[in-house]
Protein backbone atom coordinates (compact mmCIF):
# COMPACT_ATOMS: atom_id res chain seq x y z
CA UNK A 1 -87.88 69.17 161.60
CA UNK A 2 -84.64 70.70 162.84
CA UNK A 3 -82.81 72.64 160.13
CA UNK A 4 -79.23 73.97 160.10
CA UNK A 5 -78.05 77.56 160.10
CA UNK A 6 -75.97 78.72 157.12
CA UNK A 7 -72.98 81.00 157.70
CA UNK A 8 -69.73 81.90 155.95
CA UNK A 9 -66.13 82.55 156.94
CA UNK A 10 -63.57 84.42 154.86
CA UNK A 11 -60.36 82.48 154.26
CA UNK A 12 -57.03 83.37 152.70
CA UNK A 13 -55.41 81.08 150.15
CA UNK A 14 -52.75 81.20 147.46
CA UNK A 15 -55.21 82.88 145.08
CA UNK A 16 -56.43 85.49 147.56
CA UNK A 17 -59.55 85.67 149.70
CA UNK A 18 -62.52 83.34 149.35
CA UNK A 19 -65.65 82.65 151.39
CA UNK A 20 -66.35 79.19 152.75
CA UNK A 21 -69.91 78.28 153.68
CA UNK A 22 -70.74 76.08 156.63
CA UNK A 23 -73.92 74.57 158.07
CA UNK A 24 -74.33 74.62 161.82
CA UNK A 25 -76.57 72.46 164.00
CA UNK A 26 -77.22 72.60 167.75
CA UNK A 27 -76.46 75.32 170.28
CA UNK A 28 -73.85 77.79 169.03
CA UNK A 29 -72.46 78.15 172.56
CA UNK A 30 -71.95 74.41 173.05
CA UNK A 31 -68.20 73.90 173.60
CA UNK A 32 -68.47 70.31 172.34
CA UNK A 33 -67.79 70.66 168.62
CA UNK A 34 -68.17 67.98 165.94
CA UNK A 35 -66.89 68.84 162.46
CA UNK A 36 -68.22 66.75 159.57
CA UNK A 37 -66.41 67.17 156.24
CA UNK A 38 -67.67 65.71 152.97
CA UNK A 39 -66.15 63.90 150.00
CA UNK A 40 -64.65 65.16 146.77
CA UNK A 41 -67.75 66.26 144.84
CA UNK A 42 -70.27 66.43 147.69
CA UNK A 43 -71.25 69.17 150.18
CA UNK A 44 -72.01 69.73 153.86
CA UNK A 45 -75.68 68.76 153.76
CA UNK A 46 -74.60 65.14 153.29
CA UNK A 47 -74.55 64.91 157.08
CA UNK A 48 -78.10 66.10 157.81
CA UNK A 49 -79.25 62.81 159.36
CA UNK A 50 -76.15 62.39 161.51
CA UNK A 51 -76.16 66.07 162.53
CA UNK A 52 -79.81 66.00 163.58
CA UNK A 53 -79.14 62.90 165.64
CA UNK A 54 -76.15 64.41 167.46
CA UNK A 55 -77.15 68.10 167.65
CA UNK A 56 -78.55 67.77 171.17
CA UNK A 57 -75.08 66.81 172.38
CA UNK A 58 -72.78 68.67 169.98
CA UNK A 59 -72.43 71.85 168.04
CA UNK A 60 -72.23 70.11 164.67
CA UNK A 61 -70.58 72.08 161.86
CA UNK A 62 -70.60 70.81 158.28
CA UNK A 63 -68.60 73.01 155.88
CA UNK A 64 -68.92 73.17 152.12
CA UNK A 65 -65.28 72.79 151.10
CA UNK A 66 -64.25 75.53 148.67
CA UNK A 67 -65.52 74.94 145.16
CA UNK A 68 -68.55 73.02 146.45
CA UNK A 69 -72.05 73.86 147.63
CA UNK A 70 -72.47 77.45 148.79
CA UNK A 71 -68.73 78.16 149.01
CA UNK A 72 -66.80 80.27 146.50
CA UNK A 73 -65.13 78.76 143.48
CA UNK A 74 -61.40 79.44 143.21
CA UNK A 75 -59.94 81.37 140.31
CA UNK A 76 -57.16 78.81 139.81
CA UNK A 77 -58.15 75.11 139.96
CA UNK A 78 -54.58 74.16 140.89
CA UNK A 79 -55.36 75.47 144.37
CA UNK A 80 -57.93 72.73 145.00
CA UNK A 81 -55.49 70.80 147.19
CA UNK A 82 -55.60 69.10 150.61
CA UNK A 83 -53.11 71.52 152.29
CA UNK A 84 -55.29 74.46 151.21
CA UNK A 85 -58.38 72.75 152.60
CA UNK A 86 -56.58 72.14 155.91
CA UNK A 87 -55.74 75.86 156.10
CA UNK A 88 -59.39 76.75 155.49
CA UNK A 89 -60.49 74.44 158.31
CA UNK A 90 -58.04 76.06 160.70
CA UNK A 91 -59.59 79.39 159.77
CA UNK A 92 -63.08 78.00 160.40
CA UNK A 93 -62.08 76.57 163.78
CA UNK A 94 -60.76 79.99 164.75
CA UNK A 95 -64.08 81.56 163.71
CA UNK A 96 -65.88 79.01 165.88
CA UNK A 97 -63.53 79.78 168.79
CA UNK A 98 -62.83 76.07 169.07
CA UNK A 99 -59.90 74.74 171.07
CA UNK A 100 -60.86 71.07 170.62
CA UNK A 101 -62.95 69.23 168.05
CA UNK A 102 -64.16 65.78 167.13
CA UNK A 103 -63.65 65.24 163.39
CA UNK A 104 -65.56 63.05 160.97
CA UNK A 105 -64.39 63.06 157.37
CA UNK A 106 -65.76 61.14 154.40
CA UNK A 107 -63.19 60.34 151.71
CA UNK A 108 -61.57 63.74 150.94
CA UNK A 109 -62.86 65.04 154.28
CA UNK A 110 -60.96 62.23 155.97
CA UNK A 111 -57.74 63.16 154.19
CA UNK A 112 -58.21 66.73 155.43
CA UNK A 113 -58.69 65.29 158.91
CA UNK A 114 -55.50 63.23 158.66
CA UNK A 115 -53.61 66.36 157.66
CA UNK A 116 -54.95 68.37 160.58
CA UNK A 117 -54.73 65.57 163.16
CA UNK A 118 -51.07 64.97 162.32
CA UNK A 119 -49.98 68.50 163.22
CA UNK A 120 -48.37 69.38 166.56
CA UNK A 121 -50.93 70.89 168.95
CA UNK A 122 -53.79 69.66 166.78
CA UNK A 123 -57.25 70.45 168.14
CA UNK A 124 -58.64 67.05 167.04
CA UNK A 125 -59.48 64.84 170.01
CA UNK A 126 -61.30 62.02 168.20
CA UNK A 127 -61.09 61.18 164.51
CA UNK A 128 -63.50 59.24 162.29
CA UNK A 129 -62.22 58.37 158.80
CA UNK A 130 -65.07 57.31 156.53
CA UNK A 131 -63.82 54.94 153.82
CA UNK A 132 -60.45 56.59 153.39
CA UNK A 133 -56.88 55.97 154.41
CA UNK A 134 -53.30 56.77 153.40
CA UNK A 135 -53.33 54.29 150.51
CA UNK A 136 -56.07 54.82 147.91
CA UNK A 137 -56.79 52.52 145.00
CA UNK A 138 -55.72 54.07 141.70
CA UNK A 139 -58.55 52.20 139.98
CA UNK A 140 -61.06 53.67 142.40
CA UNK A 141 -59.70 57.16 141.80
CA UNK A 142 -59.91 56.60 138.04
CA UNK A 143 -63.57 55.61 138.40
CA UNK A 144 -64.32 58.83 140.25
CA UNK A 145 -62.36 60.91 137.74
CA UNK A 146 -64.37 59.42 134.86
CA UNK A 147 -67.61 61.12 135.95
CA UNK A 148 -66.27 64.16 137.76
CA UNK A 149 -66.79 67.59 136.18
CA UNK A 150 -68.97 66.56 133.24
CA UNK A 151 -71.17 69.45 131.97
CA UNK A 152 -74.54 67.87 132.71
CA UNK A 153 -77.95 69.53 132.88
CA UNK A 154 -81.13 68.02 134.30
CA UNK A 155 -84.77 68.88 133.73
CA UNK A 156 -85.81 67.96 137.28
CA UNK A 157 -84.51 66.95 140.69
CA UNK A 158 -85.71 63.41 140.07
CA UNK A 159 -83.71 63.18 136.83
CA UNK A 160 -80.61 64.50 138.56
CA UNK A 161 -81.07 62.15 141.51
CA UNK A 162 -81.43 59.21 139.12
CA UNK A 163 -78.11 60.17 137.51
CA UNK A 164 -76.37 60.42 140.89
CA UNK A 165 -77.65 56.98 141.75
CA UNK A 166 -75.94 55.55 138.65
CA UNK A 167 -72.53 56.87 139.73
CA UNK A 168 -73.02 56.26 143.46
CA UNK A 169 -73.81 52.56 143.67
CA UNK A 170 -71.19 52.30 146.42
CA UNK A 171 -73.40 54.33 148.74
CA UNK A 172 -75.52 51.23 149.27
CA UNK A 173 -79.29 50.80 149.53
CA UNK A 174 -81.45 53.86 150.25
CA UNK A 175 -85.15 54.55 150.10
CA UNK A 176 -86.33 57.03 147.47
CA UNK A 177 -86.95 59.57 150.23
CA UNK A 178 -83.43 59.15 151.61
CA UNK A 179 -81.91 59.41 148.14
CA UNK A 180 -83.78 62.59 147.27
CA UNK A 181 -82.71 64.13 150.59
CA UNK A 182 -79.07 63.33 149.80
CA UNK A 183 -79.43 64.56 146.21
CA UNK A 184 -81.39 67.81 146.62
CA UNK A 185 -78.47 69.93 147.95
CA UNK A 186 -76.26 68.66 145.12
CA UNK A 187 -78.02 70.84 142.55
CA UNK A 188 -78.59 74.50 141.80
CA UNK A 189 -80.75 76.22 139.19
CA UNK A 190 -79.16 77.38 135.93
CA UNK A 191 -81.80 78.93 133.73
CA UNK A 192 -84.44 76.31 133.06
CA UNK A 193 -82.32 73.38 134.23
CA UNK A 194 -80.46 72.05 137.27
CA UNK A 195 -76.70 71.64 137.36
CA UNK A 196 -74.40 70.05 139.92
CA UNK A 197 -73.48 72.35 142.80
CA UNK A 198 -69.68 72.22 142.44
CA UNK A 199 -66.95 73.75 140.32
CA UNK A 200 -66.33 71.23 137.50
CA UNK A 201 -62.65 72.20 137.59
CA UNK A 202 -62.19 70.21 140.82
CA UNK A 203 -61.80 67.32 138.38
CA UNK A 204 -58.49 68.66 137.08
CA UNK A 205 -56.35 67.28 139.88
CA UNK A 206 -57.99 63.86 139.97
CA UNK A 207 -57.98 63.34 136.21
CA UNK A 208 -54.29 64.23 135.97
CA UNK A 209 -53.20 61.63 138.55
CA UNK A 210 -50.72 58.95 137.56
CA UNK A 211 -49.85 55.79 139.53
CA UNK A 212 -46.52 57.42 140.40
CA UNK A 213 -48.24 60.51 141.80
CA UNK A 214 -50.63 58.34 143.83
CA UNK A 215 -47.70 56.38 145.27
CA UNK A 216 -45.88 59.58 146.22
CA UNK A 217 -48.98 60.95 147.92
CA UNK A 218 -49.45 57.65 149.72
CA UNK A 219 -45.99 57.85 151.30
CA UNK A 220 -46.64 61.39 152.53
CA UNK A 221 -50.08 60.50 153.90
CA UNK A 222 -48.73 57.45 155.76
CA UNK A 223 -46.17 59.75 157.40
CA UNK A 224 -49.01 62.04 158.48
CA UNK A 225 -51.12 59.11 159.70
CA UNK A 226 -48.23 57.73 161.73
CA UNK A 227 -48.04 61.08 163.58
CA UNK A 228 -51.67 60.92 164.76
CA UNK A 229 -52.16 60.19 168.46
CA UNK A 230 -55.90 60.67 169.04
CA UNK A 231 -58.41 57.77 169.17
CA UNK A 232 -59.34 56.93 165.57
CA UNK A 233 -62.18 54.97 163.99
CA UNK A 234 -62.08 53.82 160.36
CA UNK A 235 -65.41 53.14 158.68
CA UNK A 236 -65.17 50.96 155.58
CA UNK A 237 -67.69 49.84 153.04
CA UNK A 238 -67.02 46.12 152.72
CA UNK A 239 -67.17 46.48 148.91
CA UNK A 240 -65.10 49.67 148.72
CA UNK A 241 -62.93 50.16 145.65
CA UNK A 242 -61.09 53.08 147.27
CA UNK A 243 -60.06 51.83 150.72
CA UNK A 244 -58.82 48.23 150.57
CA UNK A 245 -59.21 45.81 153.45
CA UNK A 246 -55.40 45.51 153.50
CA UNK A 247 -54.96 49.25 154.03
CA UNK A 248 -57.67 49.31 156.68
CA UNK A 249 -55.92 46.46 158.50
CA UNK A 250 -52.58 48.29 158.30
CA UNK A 251 -54.24 51.32 159.87
CA UNK A 252 -54.96 49.20 162.97
CA UNK A 253 -51.23 48.50 163.35
CA UNK A 254 -49.71 51.94 162.71
CA UNK A 255 -50.06 55.48 164.01
CA UNK A 256 -53.16 55.76 166.22
CA UNK A 257 -53.90 52.02 165.76
CA UNK A 258 -57.41 52.71 164.58
CA UNK A 259 -60.42 50.54 165.17
CA UNK A 260 -62.11 49.43 161.92
CA UNK A 261 -65.84 48.99 161.41
CA UNK A 262 -67.03 47.50 158.12
CA UNK A 263 -70.53 47.79 156.70
CA UNK A 264 -71.80 44.99 154.49
CA UNK A 265 -73.51 45.81 151.21
CA UNK A 266 -71.75 49.18 150.95
CA UNK A 267 -68.82 50.35 148.83
CA UNK A 268 -67.40 53.85 148.66
CA UNK A 269 -68.68 55.35 150.84
CA UNK A 270 -71.12 54.82 153.73
CA UNK A 271 -73.54 57.78 153.80
CA UNK A 272 -74.14 57.65 157.58
CA UNK A 273 -77.89 57.75 157.03
CA UNK A 274 -78.89 54.34 158.38
CA UNK A 275 -79.51 53.85 162.09
CA UNK A 276 -76.73 51.26 162.21
CA UNK A 277 -74.11 53.61 160.78
CA UNK A 278 -75.19 56.55 162.93
CA UNK A 279 -75.04 54.37 166.06
CA UNK A 280 -71.46 53.28 165.32
CA UNK A 281 -70.34 56.93 165.07
CA UNK A 282 -72.27 57.94 168.18
CA UNK A 283 -70.83 55.09 170.24
CA UNK A 284 -67.27 55.99 169.21
CA UNK A 285 -67.70 59.69 169.99
CA UNK A 286 -69.45 58.94 173.29
CA UNK A 287 -67.55 56.00 174.81
CA UNK A 288 -69.15 54.55 177.94
């Protein structure tokens, strides 16, 4: 089975230098670059199935956003912010010597993509936003904040995977094999137990949100979305409690006038593991 290569790039942020890990699939000299960026508490190995499927055609790079996976944790949790993540991705693109990129972002990774795609001279040529848009449900964000950052310890991978299943019902149906593959990179050893592979302090920003703050962020993100000019695809779980059908519809009328693809039986967010979901992404990136 094809496996990714792990590398790191040193980035500069408000708190100083930090190293960001990234997983790379396919030929390193392939000029066709696909960047896949994960959600709030996840990590780059979420995209293993998609990356394997597309690695013959693309150099697929899946970073662990700072504070997650194999990347450094920041000294100050206030620096876990979308603008800082955008700056890190610009640094990574420079390391990869990339002048253009196709971008796929799940949830938080999509917000990073919106930020980067809205900039003048952006390198993003095609944009896939996976169950995310400028307007996010406050109730959905509260649900995520309720489980984020809890100091949990697990005796085995199976026990940890079972826990993740309880908080990830929106991911939809998966076989046990698929679920263990998605769960395994989420943990690291800590003595005689397993703990989640992210800095629990990433919860600080989410748990401090108020409806007023969400509304303010929404206005700014709509402004960014309206500046995007590249072809854009929005993937939406039909049962999503984060991206409403009304927001998805508005995204077809504003900015890049995105195309929307919904997946039945899925909430927040599609994992891009099923053949159906992978095919939708492939067809958008490789239009006939």
